């Protein structure tokens, strides 16, 4: 019988990586913070923050008057958006996790895109209210319930839960965990993982 050797835990190393591609019109940038693994209680508050940061593409209507302040800022004015698109991501693994923002922006606007998105991330450690969380809470529960009707998503979720938790998390239990997230949980998670923490930056940039 062959015994599998236990792998060393993954670790996060802050860094900055960039490439210069002069034939590209836009900058493609992502930055990430180290967070917690799947089975950590802070996973759900981080889900809330990901939803509050949101995502947007210039092809979507209503950017200028969007309820999400980051989306409204990135839309800019009617002449040209600050970003072509952006997406917040929260990717937990078995022993660590990554939380960050990916954006496509003009090189002249790269500084503003980075500063504003990081400012919005930091805001969740101080300026969060229950009304904001209630909106996100209902969206997360709707996404969870809708995924039950998709066989491939359901099987992927069951497999992930068996690998991480050793059992399937019943939808009722998942909804309870979502309902348990409050303002204090979000603020604590923001301070624990995001505010004044080491980040990694990845750039594919163009220059004129």
C-alpha atoms as a PDB file:
ATOM      1  CA  UNK A   1       0.000   0.000   0.000  1.00  0.00           C
ATOM      2  CA  UNK A   2       1.420   3.368  -1.001  1.00  0.00           C
ATOM      3  CA  UNK A   3       1.042   6.243   1.435  1.00  0.00           C
ATOM      4  CA  UNK A   4       0.662   9.722  -0.001  1.00  0.00           C
ATOM      5  CA  UNK A   5       3.074  12.245   1.438  1.00  0.00           C
ATOM      6  CA  UNK A   6       1.346  15.212   2.996  1.00  0.00           C
ATOM      7  CA  UNK A   7       2.047  18.364   1.020  1.00  0.00           C
ATOM      8  CA  UNK A   8       3.481  21.429   2.694  1.00  0.00           C
ATOM      9  CA  UNK A   9       1.011  24.236   3.240  1.00  0.00           C
ATOM     10  CA  UNK A  10       0.984  26.960   0.608  1.00  0.00           C
ATOM     11  CA  UNK A  11       2.219  30.373   1.598  1.00  0.00           C
ATOM     12  CA  UNK A  12       1.795  33.862   0.232  1.00  0.00           C
ATOM     13  CA  UNK A  13       4.717  35.962  -0.925  1.00  0.00           C
ATOM     14  CA  UNK A  14       3.999  39.590  -1.786  1.00  0.00           C
ATOM     15  CA  UNK A  15       5.525  40.556  -5.121  1.00  0.00           C
ATOM     16  CA  UNK A  16       5.147  42.683  -8.231  1.00  0.00           C
ATOM     17  CA  UNK A  17       5.306  41.269 -11.732  1.00  0.00           C
ATOM     18  CA  UNK A  18       4.902  43.213 -14.961  1.00  0.00           C
ATOM     19  CA  UNK A  19       5.335  42.739 -18.692  1.00  0.00           C
ATOM     20  CA  UNK A  20       5.523  45.338 -21.424  1.00  0.00           C
ATOM     21  CA  UNK A  21       3.612  44.624 -24.622  1.00  0.00           C
ATOM     22  CA  UNK A  22       3.751  47.669 -26.918  1.00  0.00           C
ATOM     23  CA  UNK A  23       1.168  46.296 -29.345  1.00  0.00           C
ATOM     24  CA  UNK A  24      -1.588  46.317 -26.705  1.00  0.00           C
ATOM     25  CA  UNK A  25      -4.017  49.183 -26.299  1.00  0.00           C
ATOM     26  CA  UNK A  26      -4.873  48.651 -22.619  1.00  0.00           C
ATOM     27  CA  UNK A  27      -3.279  47.692 -19.327  1.00  0.00           C
ATOM     28  CA  UNK A  28      -4.373  44.452 -17.694  1.00  0.00           C
ATOM     29  CA  UNK A  29      -3.755  44.525 -13.966  1.00  0.00           C
ATOM     30  CA  UNK A  30      -4.633  42.420 -10.942  1.00  0.00           C
ATOM     31  CA  UNK A  31      -3.688  42.700  -7.300  1.00  0.00           C
ATOM     32  CA  UNK A  32      -4.409  40.264  -4.498  1.00  0.00           C
ATOM     33  CA  UNK A  33      -4.244  39.963  -0.708  1.00  0.00           C
ATOM     34  CA  UNK A  34      -3.706  36.723   1.148  1.00  0.00           C
ATOM     35  CA  UNK A  35      -6.844  35.687   3.018  1.00  0.00           C
ATOM     36  CA  UNK A  36      -8.181  32.504   4.609  1.00  0.00           C
ATOM     37  CA  UNK A  37      -8.933  28.932   3.439  1.00  0.00           C
ATOM     38  CA  UNK A  38     -12.399  27.629   2.547  1.00  0.00           C
ATOM     39  CA  UNK A  39     -13.229  26.245   5.987  1.00  0.00           C
ATOM     40  CA  UNK A  40     -12.427  29.456   7.879  1.00  0.00           C
ATOM     41  CA  UNK A  41     -15.316  31.520   9.363  1.00  0.00           C
ATOM     42  CA  UNK A  42     -14.079  34.657   7.553  1.00  0.00           C
ATOM     43  CA  UNK A  43     -14.839  33.092   4.162  1.00  0.00           C
ATOM     44  CA  UNK A  44     -18.396  34.410   4.232  1.00  0.00           C
ATOM     45  CA  UNK A  45     -17.574  38.023   5.208  1.00  0.00           C
ATOM     46  CA  UNK A  46     -15.053  38.037   2.349  1.00  0.00           C
ATOM     47  CA  UNK A  47     -17.814  36.830   0.015  1.00  0.00           C
ATOM     48  CA  UNK A  48     -19.833  39.848   1.089  1.00  0.00           C
ATOM     49  CA  UNK A  49     -16.955  42.225   0.343  1.00  0.00           C
ATOM     50  CA  UNK A  50     -16.438  40.681  -3.072  1.00  0.00           C
ATOM     51  CA  UNK A  51     -20.090  41.261  -3.892  1.00  0.00           C
ATOM     52  CA  UNK A  52     -19.951  44.845  -2.599  1.00  0.00           C
ATOM     53  CA  UNK A  53     -16.943  45.625  -4.801  1.00  0.00           C
ATOM     54  CA  UNK A  54     -18.796  43.980  -7.674  1.00  0.00           C
ATOM     55  CA  UNK A  55     -17.899  43.854 -11.338  1.00  0.00           C
ATOM     56  CA  UNK A  56     -18.629  45.940 -14.404  1.00  0.00           C
ATOM     57  CA  UNK A  57     -18.002  46.141 -18.130  1.00  0.00           C
ATOM     58  CA  UNK A  58     -18.421  49.243 -20.278  1.00  0.00           C
ATOM     59  CA  UNK A  59     -20.896  47.281 -22.412  1.00  0.00           C
ATOM     60  CA  UNK A  60     -23.275  47.244 -19.431  1.00  0.00           C
ATOM     61  CA  UNK A  61     -25.802  50.101 -19.262  1.00  0.00           C
ATOM     62  CA  UNK A  62     -26.213  52.497 -16.349  1.00  0.00           C
ATOM     63  CA  UNK A  63     -22.618  52.766 -15.159  1.00  0.00           C
ATOM     64  CA  UNK A  64     -22.729  56.484 -14.403  1.00  0.00           C
ATOM     65  CA  UNK A  65     -25.691  56.140 -12.008  1.00  0.00           C
ATOM     66  CA  UNK A  66     -24.876  52.705 -10.633  1.00  0.00           C
ATOM     67  CA  UNK A  67     -25.574  52.138  -6.922  1.00  0.00           C
ATOM     68  CA  UNK A  68     -22.095  50.662  -6.530  1.00  0.00           C
ATOM     69  CA  UNK A  69     -19.748  53.629  -5.895  1.00  0.00           C
ATOM     70  CA  UNK A  70     -16.745  51.885  -7.459  1.00  0.00           C
ATOM     71  CA  UNK A  71     -18.687  51.133 -10.643  1.00  0.00           C
ATOM     72  CA  UNK A  72     -19.919  54.730 -10.837  1.00  0.00           C
ATOM     73  CA  UNK A  73     -16.357  56.031 -10.396  1.00  0.00           C
ATOM     74  CA  UNK A  74     -14.893  53.694 -13.011  1.00  0.00           C
ATOM     75  CA  UNK A  75     -17.579  54.697 -15.497  1.00  0.00           C
ATOM     76  CA  UNK A  76     -16.191  58.247 -15.429  1.00  0.00           C
ATOM     77  CA  UNK A  77     -18.021  60.696 -17.648  1.00  0.00           C
ATOM     78  CA  UNK A  78     -19.809  60.148 -20.926  1.00  0.00           C
ATOM     79  CA  UNK A  79     -16.652  60.659 -23.005  1.00  0.00           C
ATOM     80  CA  UNK A  80     -14.506  57.775 -21.743  1.00  0.00           C
ATOM     81  CA  UNK A  81     -14.646  55.343 -18.801  1.00  0.00           C
ATOM     82  CA  UNK A  82     -11.693  55.049 -16.421  1.00  0.00           C
ATOM     83  CA  UNK A  83     -11.747  51.272 -16.825  1.00  0.00           C
ATOM     84  CA  UNK A  84     -12.996  49.133 -19.675  1.00  0.00           C
ATOM     85  CA  UNK A  85     -13.985  46.466 -17.159  1.00  0.00           C
ATOM     86  CA  UNK A  86     -13.193  45.278 -13.645  1.00  0.00           C
ATOM     87  CA  UNK A  87     -13.990  42.315 -11.439  1.00  0.00           C
ATOM     88  CA  UNK A  88     -13.491  41.643  -7.736  1.00  0.00           C
ATOM     89  CA  UNK A  89     -12.478  38.087  -6.906  1.00  0.00           C
ATOM     90  CA  UNK A  90     -12.382  35.975  -3.760  1.00  0.00           C
ATOM     91  CA  UNK A  91     -10.627  32.636  -4.292  1.00  0.00           C
ATOM     92  CA  UNK A  92     -10.254  30.416  -1.219  1.00  0.00           C
ATOM     93  CA  UNK A  93      -8.213  27.213  -1.314  1.00  0.00           C
ATOM     94  CA  UNK A  94      -7.712  24.426   1.230  1.00  0.00           C
ATOM     95  CA  UNK A  95      -4.956  26.215   3.164  1.00  0.00           C
ATOM     96  CA  UNK A  96      -4.984  29.858   2.007  1.00  0.00           C
ATOM     97  CA  UNK A  97      -6.960  32.271  -0.146  1.00  0.00           C
ATOM     98  CA  UNK A  98      -6.701  35.310  -2.411  1.00  0.00           C
ATOM     99  CA  UNK A  99      -8.886  38.404  -2.508  1.00  0.00           C
ATOM    100  CA  UNK A 100      -8.402  41.174  -5.014  1.00  0.00           C
ATOM    101  CA  UNK A 101      -9.422  43.113  -8.099  1.00  0.00           C
ATOM    102  CA  UNK A 102      -8.746  42.565 -11.797  1.00  0.00           C
ATOM    103  CA  UNK A 103      -9.150  45.519 -14.165  1.00  0.00           C
ATOM    104  CA  UNK A 104      -8.627  46.524 -17.776  1.00  0.00           C
ATOM    105  CA  UNK A 105      -7.782  50.201 -18.116  1.00  0.00           C
ATOM    106  CA  UNK A 106      -6.047  52.768 -20.310  1.00  0.00           C
ATOM    107  CA  UNK A 107      -2.410  53.295 -19.224  1.00  0.00           C
ATOM    108  CA  UNK A 108      -3.106  56.945 -18.410  1.00  0.00           C
ATOM    109  CA  UNK A 109      -5.825  55.859 -15.974  1.00  0.00           C
ATOM    110  CA  UNK A 110      -3.978  52.982 -14.313  1.00  0.00           C
ATOM    111  CA  UNK A 111      -3.014  55.054 -11.259  1.00  0.00           C
ATOM    112  CA  UNK A 112      -6.610  56.162 -10.652  1.00  0.00           C
ATOM    113  CA  UNK A 113      -8.014  52.653 -11.084  1.00  0.00           C
ATOM    114  CA  UNK A 114      -5.595  51.204  -8.526  1.00  0.00           C
ATOM    115  CA  UNK A 115      -5.986  54.006  -5.988  1.00  0.00           C
ATOM    116  CA  UNK A 116      -9.783  54.081  -6.067  1.00  0.00           C
ATOM    117  CA  UNK A 117     -10.263  50.317  -5.910  1.00  0.00           C
ATOM    118  CA  UNK A 118      -7.875  49.993  -2.948  1.00  0.00           C
ATOM    119  CA  UNK A 119      -9.574  52.935  -1.238  1.00  0.00           C
ATOM    120  CA  UNK A 120     -12.916  51.164  -1.635  1.00  0.00           C
ATOM    121  CA  UNK A 121     -11.444  47.946  -0.221  1.00  0.00           C
ATOM    122  CA  UNK A 122     -10.189  49.819   2.844  1.00  0.00           C
ATOM    123  CA  UNK A 123     -13.574  51.502   3.329  1.00  0.00           C
ATOM    124  CA  UNK A 124     -15.145  48.200   4.344  1.00  0.00           C
ATOM    125  CA  UNK A 125     -13.122  48.263   7.550  1.00  0.00           C
ATOM    126  CA  UNK A 126     -14.927  51.440   8.650  1.00  0.00           C
ATOM    127  CA  UNK A 127     -17.938  52.405   6.544  1.00  0.00           C
ATOM    128  CA  UNK A 128     -20.349  49.473   6.314  1.00  0.00           C
ATOM    129  CA  UNK A 129     -24.006  49.413   7.318  1.00  0.00           C
ATOM    130  CA  UNK A 130     -26.689  46.767   7.580  1.00  0.00           C
ATOM    131  CA  UNK A 131     -28.569  48.028   4.524  1.00  0.00           C
ATOM    132  CA  UNK A 132     -25.516  47.331   2.344  1.00  0.00           C
ATOM    133  CA  UNK A 133     -25.187  43.842   3.795  1.00  0.00           C
ATOM    134  CA  UNK A 134     -28.877  43.023   3.414  1.00  0.00           C
ATOM    135  CA  UNK A 135     -28.737  43.676  -0.324  1.00  0.00           C
ATOM    136  CA  UNK A 136     -25.670  41.443  -0.699  1.00  0.00           C
ATOM    137  CA  UNK A 137     -27.182  38.791   1.591  1.00  0.00           C
ATOM    138  CA  UNK A 138     -30.213  38.350  -0.646  1.00  0.00           C
ATOM    139  CA  UNK A 139     -28.047  38.173  -3.769  1.00  0.00           C
ATOM    140  CA  UNK A 140     -25.811  35.489  -2.261  1.00  0.00           C
ATOM    141  CA  UNK A 141     -28.795  33.395  -1.206  1.00  0.00           C
ATOM    142  CA  UNK A 142     -30.387  33.756  -4.643  1.00  0.00           C
ATOM    143  CA  UNK A 143     -27.132  32.678  -6.321  1.00  0.00           C
ATOM    144  CA  UNK A 144     -26.881  29.681  -3.992  1.00  0.00           C
ATOM    145  CA  UNK A 145     -30.448  28.535  -4.704  1.00  0.00           C
ATOM    146  CA  UNK A 146     -30.170  29.088  -8.456  1.00  0.00           C
ATOM    147  CA  UNK A 147     -26.996  26.987  -8.582  1.00  0.00           C
ATOM    148  CA  UNK A 148     -28.992  23.990  -7.277  1.00  0.00           C
ATOM    149  CA  UNK A 149     -30.753  23.808 -10.643  1.00  0.00           C
ATOM    150  CA  UNK A 150     -27.505  23.508 -12.598  1.00  0.00           C
ATOM    151  CA  UNK A 151     -26.125  19.959 -12.523  1.00  0.00           C
ATOM    152  CA  UNK A 152     -22.521  20.849 -13.384  1.00  0.00           C
ATOM    153  CA  UNK A 153     -22.354  23.682 -10.811  1.00  0.00           C
ATOM    154  CA  UNK A 154     -23.970  21.459  -8.190  1.00  0.00           C
ATOM    155  CA  UNK A 155     -21.519  18.595  -8.725  1.00  0.00           C
ATOM    156  CA  UNK A 156     -18.547  20.969  -8.687  1.00  0.00           C
ATOM    157  CA  UNK A 157     -19.784  22.462  -5.418  1.00  0.00           C
ATOM    158  CA  UNK A 158     -20.359  19.046  -3.818  1.00  0.00           C
ATOM    159  CA  UNK A 159     -16.874  17.890  -4.844  1.00  0.00           C
ATOM    160  CA  UNK A 160     -15.249  21.032  -3.457  1.00  0.00           C
ATOM    161  CA  UNK A 161     -17.086  20.702  -0.148  1.00  0.00           C
ATOM    162  CA  UNK A 162     -16.090  17.052   0.232  1.00  0.00           C
ATOM    163  CA  UNK A 163     -12.436  17.950  -0.362  1.00  0.00           C
ATOM    164  CA  UNK A 164     -12.476  20.920   2.003  1.00  0.00           C
ATOM    165  CA  UNK A 165     -14.990  20.000   4.721  1.00  0.00           C
ATOM    166  CA  UNK A 166     -15.195  16.222   4.373  1.00  0.00           C
ATOM    167  CA  UNK A 167     -18.958  16.527   3.925  1.00  0.00           C
ATOM    168  CA  UNK A 168     -21.515  18.434   1.927  1.00  0.00           C
ATOM    169  CA  UNK A 169     -22.697  21.715   3.417  1.00  0.00           C
ATOM    170  CA  UNK A 170     -26.483  21.595   3.112  1.00  0.00           C
ATOM    171  CA  UNK A 171     -28.029  24.701   1.499  1.00  0.00           C
ATOM    172  CA  UNK A 172     -29.934  25.414   4.732  1.00  0.00           C
ATOM    173  CA  UNK A 173     -26.639  25.496   6.643  1.00  0.00           C
ATOM    174  CA  UNK A 174     -25.027  27.690   3.976  1.00  0.00           C
ATOM    175  CA  UNK A 175     -27.943  30.148   4.168  1.00  0.00           C
ATOM    176  CA  UNK A 176     -27.598  30.244   7.957  1.00  0.00           C
ATOM    177  CA  UNK A 177     -23.904  31.121   7.585  1.00  0.00           C
ATOM    178  CA  UNK A 178     -24.820  33.889   5.153  1.00  0.00           C
ATOM    179  CA  UNK A 179     -27.466  35.228   7.566  1.00  0.00           C
ATOM    180  CA  UNK A 180     -24.947  35.215  10.433  1.00  0.00           C
ATOM    181  CA  UNK A 181     -22.652  37.729   8.722  1.00  0.00           C
ATOM    182  CA  UNK A 182     -23.072  41.158  10.310  1.00  0.00           C
ATOM    183  CA  UNK A 183     -21.391  44.549  10.075  1.00  0.00           C
ATOM    184  CA  UNK A 184     -18.810  43.697  12.715  1.00  0.00           C
ATOM    185  CA  UNK A 185     -17.791  40.467  10.926  1.00  0.00           C
ATOM    186  CA  UNK A 186     -17.121  42.378   7.695  1.00  0.00           C
ATOM    187  CA  UNK A 187     -15.116  45.094   9.443  1.00  0.00           C
ATOM    188  CA  UNK A 188     -13.020  42.558  11.364  1.00  0.00           C
ATOM    189  CA  UNK A 189     -12.258  40.581   8.190  1.00  0.00           C
ATOM    190  CA  UNK A 190     -11.314  43.759   6.305  1.00  0.00           C
ATOM    191  CA  UNK A 191      -8.825  44.732   9.024  1.00  0.00           C
ATOM    192  CA  UNK A 192      -7.515  41.191   9.355  1.00  0.00           C
ATOM    193  CA  UNK A 193      -6.718  40.623   5.682  1.00  0.00           C
ATOM    194  CA  UNK A 194      -6.976  43.798   3.594  1.00  0.00           C
ATOM    195  CA  UNK A 195      -6.115  47.022   5.392  1.00  0.00           C
ATOM    196  CA  UNK A 196      -2.349  47.777   5.475  1.00  0.00           C
ATOM    197  CA  UNK A 197      -1.538  44.243   4.327  1.00  0.00           C
ATOM    198  CA  UNK A 198       1.019  42.996   1.800  1.00  0.00           C
ATOM    199  CA  UNK A 199      -0.296  42.622  -1.744  1.00  0.00           C
ATOM    200  CA  UNK A 200       0.907  41.087  -4.986  1.00  0.00           C
ATOM    201  CA  UNK A 201       0.586  43.044  -8.241  1.00  0.00           C
ATOM    202  CA  UNK A 202       0.506  41.595 -11.742  1.00  0.00           C
ATOM    203  CA  UNK A 203       0.699  43.929 -14.735  1.00  0.00           C
ATOM    204  CA  UNK A 204       0.586  43.490 -18.492  1.00  0.00           C
ATOM    205  CA  UNK A 205       1.114  47.062 -19.674  1.00  0.00           C
ATOM    206  CA  UNK A 206       1.461  49.025 -22.861  1.00  0.00           C
ATOM    207  CA  UNK A 207       3.321  52.252 -23.493  1.00  0.00           C
ATOM    208  CA  UNK A 208       2.898  54.871 -26.197  1.00  0.00           C
END
